[in-house]
Amino acid sequence: MLREGPTVGAALERYADERTAAGAHLLEPGRRMGRAQVDETPDWAAMGQGEVDARFRGVLAGARHYLYARPAPGG
């Protein structure tokens, strides 16, 4: 961004804008997971791995973020 910006100030402003947007994008799935684990706590001990996986797929349904992307086939 420093190379692309007309000034250091403009580059830093762009960096801050993009960083803030990325943080806000990550906040929503984090809140969903927090509610699912704390406010809507299931009986974790009674759940198998498949049930835990299904629960979190449901919690994150509709949330698109690179941290939760499915790996490419074969990857």
N, C-alpha and C. Protein backbone atom coordinates (compact mmCIF):
# COMPACT_ATOMS: atom_id res chain seq x y z
N MET A 1 0.82 -1.18 0.00
CA MET A 1 0.00 0.00 0.00
C MET A 1 0.87 1.26 0.00
N LEU A 2 2.01 1.16 0.64
CA LEU A 2 2.90 2.32 0.65
C LEU A 2 3.39 2.63 -0.77
N ARG A 3 3.63 1.60 -1.56
CA ARG A 3 4.09 1.82 -2.93
C ARG A 3 2.97 2.33 -3.82
N GLU A 4 1.74 1.91 -3.54
CA GLU A 4 0.61 2.27 -4.39
C GLU A 4 -0.01 3.62 -4.03
N GLY A 5 0.11 4.02 -2.77
CA GLY A 5 -0.53 5.25 -2.31
C GLY A 5 0.22 6.49 -2.77
N PRO A 6 -0.52 7.55 -3.01
CA PRO A 6 0.15 8.79 -3.42
C PRO A 6 0.99 9.40 -2.29
N THR A 7 0.57 9.13 -1.05
CA THR A 7 1.30 9.63 0.12
C THR A 7 1.29 8.56 1.20
N VAL A 8 2.17 8.70 2.15
CA VAL A 8 2.19 7.77 3.28
C VAL A 8 0.86 7.85 4.03
N GLY A 9 0.35 9.04 4.23
CA GLY A 9 -0.92 9.21 4.93
C GLY A 9 -2.07 8.52 4.23
N ALA A 10 -2.13 8.63 2.90
CA ALA A 10 -3.19 7.98 2.13
C ALA A 10 -3.05 6.46 2.23
N ALA A 11 -1.82 5.97 2.17
CA ALA A 11 -1.59 4.52 2.27
C ALA A 11 -2.01 4.01 3.64
N LEU A 12 -1.68 4.73 4.68
CA LEU A 12 -2.06 4.31 6.04
C LEU A 12 -3.57 4.36 6.23
N GLU A 13 -4.21 5.34 5.64
CA GLU A 13 -5.67 5.44 5.74
C GLU A 13 -6.33 4.24 5.02
N ARG A 14 -5.81 3.89 3.84
CA ARG A 14 -6.35 2.73 3.12
C ARG A 14 -6.14 1.46 3.92
N TYR A 15 -4.96 1.30 4.50
CA TYR A 15 -4.67 0.13 5.33
C TYR A 15 -5.66 0.04 6.49
N ALA A 16 -5.89 1.14 7.17
CA ALA A 16 -6.81 1.15 8.31
C ALA A 16 -8.23 0.80 7.86
N ASP A 17 -8.65 1.32 6.72
CA ASP A 17 -10.00 1.02 6.21
C ASP A 17 -10.15 -0.47 5.91
N GLU A 18 -9.16 -1.04 5.23
CA GLU A 18 -9.24 -2.46 4.88
C GLU A 18 -9.13 -3.35 6.12
N ARG A 19 -8.29 -2.97 7.05
CA ARG A 19 -8.13 -3.74 8.28
C ARG A 19 -9.43 -3.71 9.10
N THR A 20 -10.06 -2.56 9.19
CA THR A 20 -11.31 -2.43 9.94
C THR A 20 -12.40 -3.27 9.30
N ALA A 21 -12.48 -3.26 7.97
CA ALA A 21 -13.50 -4.05 7.27
C ALA A 21 -13.28 -5.55 7.50
N ALA A 22 -12.03 -5.99 7.45
CA ALA A 22 -11.73 -7.41 7.67
C ALA A 22 -12.07 -7.82 9.10
N GLY A 23 -11.78 -6.96 10.06
CA GLY A 23 -12.11 -7.26 11.46
C GLY A 23 -13.61 -7.35 11.68
N ALA A 24 -14.35 -6.45 11.07
CA ALA A 24 -15.81 -6.48 11.20
C ALA A 24 -16.39 -7.73 10.56
N HIS A 25 -15.80 -8.15 9.45
CA HIS A 25 -16.25 -9.35 8.75
C HIS A 25 -16.04 -10.60 9.62
N LEU A 26 -14.97 -10.63 10.38
CA LEU A 26 -14.67 -11.78 11.23
C LEU A 26 -15.47 -11.75 12.53
N LEU A 27 -15.86 -10.59 12.97
CA LEU A 27 -16.58 -10.44 14.24
C LEU A 27 -17.92 -11.19 14.26
N GLU A 28 -18.67 -11.13 13.17
CA GLU A 28 -19.99 -11.74 13.14
C GLU A 28 -19.93 -13.26 13.32
N PRO A 29 -19.10 -14.00 12.59
CA PRO A 29 -19.01 -15.45 12.86
C PRO A 29 -18.50 -15.75 14.27
N GLY A 30 -17.63 -14.91 14.79
CA GLY A 30 -17.14 -15.11 16.15
C GLY A 30 -18.25 -14.97 17.18
N ARG A 31 -19.11 -14.01 16.97
CA ARG A 31 -20.26 -13.85 17.88
C ARG A 31 -21.20 -15.04 17.79
N ARG A 32 -21.43 -15.53 16.58
CA ARG A 32 -22.28 -16.72 16.41
C ARG A 32 -21.70 -17.90 17.18
N MET A 33 -20.39 -18.11 17.03
CA MET A 33 -19.77 -19.24 17.72
C MET A 33 -19.84 -19.05 19.23
N GLY A 34 -19.64 -17.84 19.70
CA GLY A 34 -19.73 -17.57 21.14
C GLY A 34 -21.11 -17.88 21.69
N ARG A 35 -22.14 -17.43 20.99
CA ARG A 35 -23.52 -17.73 21.42
C ARG A 35 -23.75 -19.24 21.45
N ALA A 36 -23.27 -19.93 20.41
CA ALA A 36 -23.49 -21.38 20.32
C ALA A 36 -22.77 -22.14 21.43
N GLN A 37 -21.64 -21.63 21.88
CA GLN A 37 -20.87 -22.33 22.90
C GLN A 37 -21.25 -21.92 24.32
N VAL A 38 -21.72 -20.69 24.49
CA VAL A 38 -21.96 -20.19 25.84
C VAL A 38 -23.45 -20.01 26.14
N ASP A 39 -24.15 -19.28 25.28
CA ASP A 39 -25.56 -19.00 25.54
C ASP A 39 -26.47 -20.17 25.20
N GLU A 40 -26.08 -20.96 24.20
CA GLU A 40 -26.91 -22.07 23.74
C GLU A 40 -26.12 -23.37 23.87
N THR A 41 -25.52 -23.57 25.03
CA THR A 41 -24.61 -24.69 25.24
C THR A 41 -25.32 -26.04 25.14
N PRO A 42 -24.85 -26.88 24.23
CA PRO A 42 -25.43 -28.22 24.14
C PRO A 42 -24.77 -29.14 25.16
N ASP A 43 -25.22 -30.34 25.21
CA ASP A 43 -24.60 -31.35 26.07
C ASP A 43 -23.41 -31.92 25.30
N TRP A 44 -22.28 -31.22 25.39
CA TRP A 44 -21.09 -31.60 24.61
C TRP A 44 -20.69 -33.06 24.85
N ALA A 45 -20.77 -33.52 26.09
CA ALA A 45 -20.34 -34.88 26.42
C ALA A 45 -21.18 -35.93 25.71
N ALA A 46 -22.42 -35.60 25.40
CA ALA A 46 -23.31 -36.55 24.75
C ALA A 46 -23.18 -36.52 23.22
N MET A 47 -22.40 -35.58 22.71
CA MET A 47 -22.27 -35.42 21.26
C MET A 47 -21.05 -36.15 20.73
N GLY A 48 -21.22 -36.76 19.58
CA GLY A 48 -20.10 -37.36 18.87
C GLY A 48 -19.46 -36.32 17.96
N GLN A 49 -18.33 -36.66 17.36
CA GLN A 49 -17.63 -35.71 16.50
C GLN A 49 -18.50 -35.24 15.33
N GLY A 50 -19.26 -36.16 14.76
CA GLY A 50 -20.13 -35.79 13.65
C GLY A 50 -21.18 -34.76 14.06
N GLU A 51 -21.72 -34.92 15.26
CA GLU A 51 -22.72 -33.97 15.76
C GLU A 51 -22.10 -32.60 16.02
N VAL A 52 -20.89 -32.60 16.56
CA VAL A 52 -20.18 -31.33 16.81
C VAL A 52 -19.91 -30.63 15.47
N ASP A 53 -19.42 -31.40 14.49
CA ASP A 53 -19.16 -30.83 13.17
C ASP A 53 -20.43 -30.25 12.56
N ALA A 54 -21.52 -31.00 12.64
CA ALA A 54 -22.79 -30.53 12.07
C ALA A 54 -23.28 -29.28 12.79
N ARG A 55 -23.11 -29.25 14.10
CA ARG A 55 -23.53 -28.07 14.86
C ARG A 55 -22.80 -26.83 14.39
N PHE A 56 -21.49 -26.91 14.24
CA PHE A 56 -20.74 -25.73 13.84
C PHE A 56 -20.93 -25.39 12.37
N ARG A 57 -21.20 -26.37 11.53
CA ARG A 57 -21.57 -26.04 10.16
C ARG A 57 -22.86 -25.22 10.16
N GLY A 58 -23.80 -25.60 11.03
CA GLY A 58 -25.04 -24.84 11.15
C GLY A 58 -24.83 -23.46 11.72
N VAL A 59 -23.97 -23.36 12.73
CA VAL A 59 -23.67 -22.06 13.34
C VAL A 59 -23.05 -21.12 12.32
N LEU A 60 -22.17 -21.65 11.49
CA LEU A 60 -21.47 -20.81 10.51
C LEU A 60 -22.16 -20.74 9.16
N ALA A 61 -23.31 -21.39 9.00
CA ALA A 61 -24.03 -21.36 7.72
C ALA A 61 -24.31 -19.91 7.33
N GLY A 62 -23.96 -19.60 6.11
CA GLY A 62 -24.20 -18.25 5.61
C GLY A 62 -23.06 -17.29 5.91
N ALA A 63 -22.15 -17.66 6.77
CA ALA A 63 -20.99 -16.81 7.07
C ALA A 63 -19.87 -17.23 6.15
N ARG A 64 -19.38 -16.33 5.34
CA ARG A 64 -18.31 -16.64 4.42
C ARG A 64 -17.06 -15.89 4.85
N HIS A 65 -16.04 -16.62 5.17
CA HIS A 65 -14.77 -16.02 5.57
C HIS A 65 -13.67 -17.00 5.24
N TYR A 66 -12.52 -16.49 4.87
CA TYR A 66 -11.43 -17.39 4.47
C TYR A 66 -11.03 -18.37 5.57
N LEU A 67 -11.25 -18.03 6.82
CA LEU A 67 -10.91 -18.95 7.91
C LEU A 67 -11.81 -20.17 7.93
N TYR A 68 -13.00 -20.05 7.36
CA TYR A 68 -13.97 -21.14 7.40
C TYR A 68 -14.24 -21.72 6.02
N ALA A 69 -13.40 -21.42 5.07
CA ALA A 69 -13.58 -21.94 3.71
C ALA A 69 -13.30 -23.44 3.69
N ARG A 70 -14.03 -24.14 2.89
CA ARG A 70 -13.78 -25.57 2.73
C ARG A 70 -12.53 -25.74 1.88
N PRO A 71 -11.70 -26.70 2.21
CA PRO A 71 -10.52 -26.93 1.37
C PRO A 71 -10.93 -27.43 -0.02
N ALA A 72 -10.13 -27.09 -1.00
CA ALA A 72 -10.39 -27.55 -2.37
C ALA A 72 -10.23 -29.06 -2.42
N PRO A 73 -10.97 -29.75 -3.28
CA PRO A 73 -10.81 -31.20 -3.40
C PRO A 73 -9.34 -31.54 -3.67
N GLY A 74 -8.86 -32.50 -2.92
CA GLY A 74 -7.47 -32.92 -3.06
C GLY A 74 -6.49 -32.01 -2.36
N GLY A 75 -7.00 -30.94 -1.66
CA GLY A 75 -6.10 -29.97 -1.05
C GLY A 75 -6.09 -29.97 0.41
